[in-house]
Amino acid sequence: MKESAVESAICAYARSKGITTQKQNGMHNRGKADQLLMRNGVAAFLEIKRPGAKPTALQLRYLKQRSDDGFAAAWVDCVTGGKDFIDRVFP
C-alpha cells in the first residue's frame, strides 16, 4: 500500500468524525508531520508512513517537540494505527 493511500484513508476517517485535517508537509516544511488534526480546541500531529517505513530523524525531532509542547504527536505506518491514534486523541 502506498503512503498516499494510507494517508487518504486516515484523513477520511478523521473527517468522518468531524475532525479537520490540514496537510503540513511540502516545500519549506521539511520534517513537519504530514497532518495537523483539529477538533473542539484540540490539535494533534500525525506523521504517516507506508507500511514498514520509519520516520526520519528530523521528523522524529519535530514530533518530540510537539509532544513536549503538550500536543498529541505520533507516527503510524498503517490505517489501523492512524484510526487508533485518532480515537485516543479525539474520543
Protein backbone atom coordinates (compact mmCIF):
# COMPACT_ATOMS: atom_id res chain seq x y z
CA MET A 1 0.00 0.00 0.00
CA LYS A 2 1.33 3.46 -0.92
CA GLU A 3 1.79 6.14 1.74
CA SER A 4 -0.75 8.33 -0.06
CA ALA A 5 -3.38 5.58 0.23
CA VAL A 6 -2.71 5.18 3.96
CA GLU A 7 -2.92 8.95 4.42
CA SER A 8 -6.15 9.24 2.41
CA ALA A 9 -7.85 6.51 4.42
CA ILE A 10 -6.76 8.01 7.75
CA CYS A 11 -7.89 11.50 6.74
CA ALA A 12 -11.25 10.22 5.51
CA TYR A 13 -11.75 8.51 8.87
CA ALA A 14 -10.81 11.71 10.72
CA ARG A 15 -13.21 13.81 8.65
CA SER A 16 -16.00 11.27 9.28
CA LYS A 17 -15.56 12.06 12.99
CA GLY A 18 -15.78 15.82 12.42
CA ILE A 19 -12.03 16.37 12.66
CA THR A 20 -10.40 18.98 10.44
CA THR A 21 -7.30 17.72 8.64
CA GLN A 22 -4.57 20.00 7.35
CA LYS A 23 -1.63 18.82 5.24
CA GLN A 24 1.59 20.10 6.82
CA ASN A 25 4.42 18.82 4.66
CA GLY A 26 5.68 20.09 1.36
CA MET A 27 8.10 22.73 0.20
CA HIS A 28 9.69 24.65 3.10
CA ASN A 29 8.10 22.30 5.65
CA ARG A 30 10.75 19.60 5.79
CA GLY A 31 10.40 17.44 8.86
CA LYS A 32 6.91 18.59 9.81
CA ALA A 33 4.26 15.97 10.47
CA ASP A 34 2.08 15.08 7.48
CA GLN A 35 -1.19 16.03 9.13
CA LEU A 36 -2.42 18.51 11.70
CA LEU A 37 -5.71 17.21 13.11
CA MET A 38 -8.07 19.61 14.91
CA ARG A 39 -11.45 19.49 16.64
CA ASN A 40 -13.03 21.43 19.51
CA GLY A 41 -9.84 23.21 20.56
CA VAL A 42 -7.72 20.06 20.47
CA ALA A 43 -4.86 19.69 17.99
CA ALA A 44 -2.70 16.66 17.20
CA PHE A 45 0.17 15.95 14.82
CA LEU A 46 0.43 12.74 12.83
CA GLU A 47 3.29 11.56 10.61
CA ILE A 48 2.09 8.91 8.17
CA LYS A 49 4.37 6.33 6.53
CA ARG A 50 3.80 3.47 4.13
CA PRO A 51 3.70 0.05 5.80
CA GLY A 52 7.13 -0.86 7.18
CA ALA A 53 8.66 2.60 6.67
CA LYS A 54 10.04 4.70 9.53
CA PRO A 55 10.20 8.48 10.04
CA THR A 56 13.43 10.39 9.54
CA ALA A 57 15.41 11.80 12.46
CA LEU A 58 14.12 15.27 11.55
CA GLN A 59 10.51 14.03 11.64
CA LEU A 60 11.04 12.31 14.97
CA ARG A 61 12.53 15.51 16.41
CA TYR A 62 9.53 17.51 15.21
CA LEU A 63 7.11 15.03 16.80
CA LYS A 64 9.05 15.15 20.08
CA GLN A 65 8.95 18.96 20.06
CA ARG A 66 5.17 18.95 19.57
CA SER A 67 4.80 16.37 22.33
CA ASP A 68 6.99 18.49 24.61
CA ASP A 69 4.68 21.43 23.77
CA GLY A 70 1.79 19.38 25.19
CA PHE A 71 0.22 18.16 21.96
CA ALA A 72 -0.53 14.58 20.95
CA ALA A 73 2.06 13.67 18.32
CA ALA A 74 2.82 10.29 16.77
CA TRP A 75 3.72 8.40 13.63
CA VAL A 76 1.96 5.44 12.09
CA ASP A 77 2.60 3.10 9.18
CA CYS A 78 -0.90 1.67 8.73
CA VAL A 79 -4.52 2.78 8.59
CA THR A 80 -5.40 0.92 11.79
CA GLY A 81 -2.65 2.73 13.70
CA GLY A 82 -3.95 6.06 12.45
CA LYS A 83 -7.51 5.27 13.45
CA ASP A 84 -6.35 4.14 16.90
CA PHE A 85 -4.43 7.41 17.37
CA ILE A 86 -7.47 9.45 16.33
CA ASP A 87 -9.77 7.51 18.64
CA ARG A 88 -7.42 8.08 21.60
CA VAL A 89 -6.94 11.79 21.00
CA PHE A 90 -10.48 12.62 19.87
CA PRO A 91 -12.82 10.32 21.82
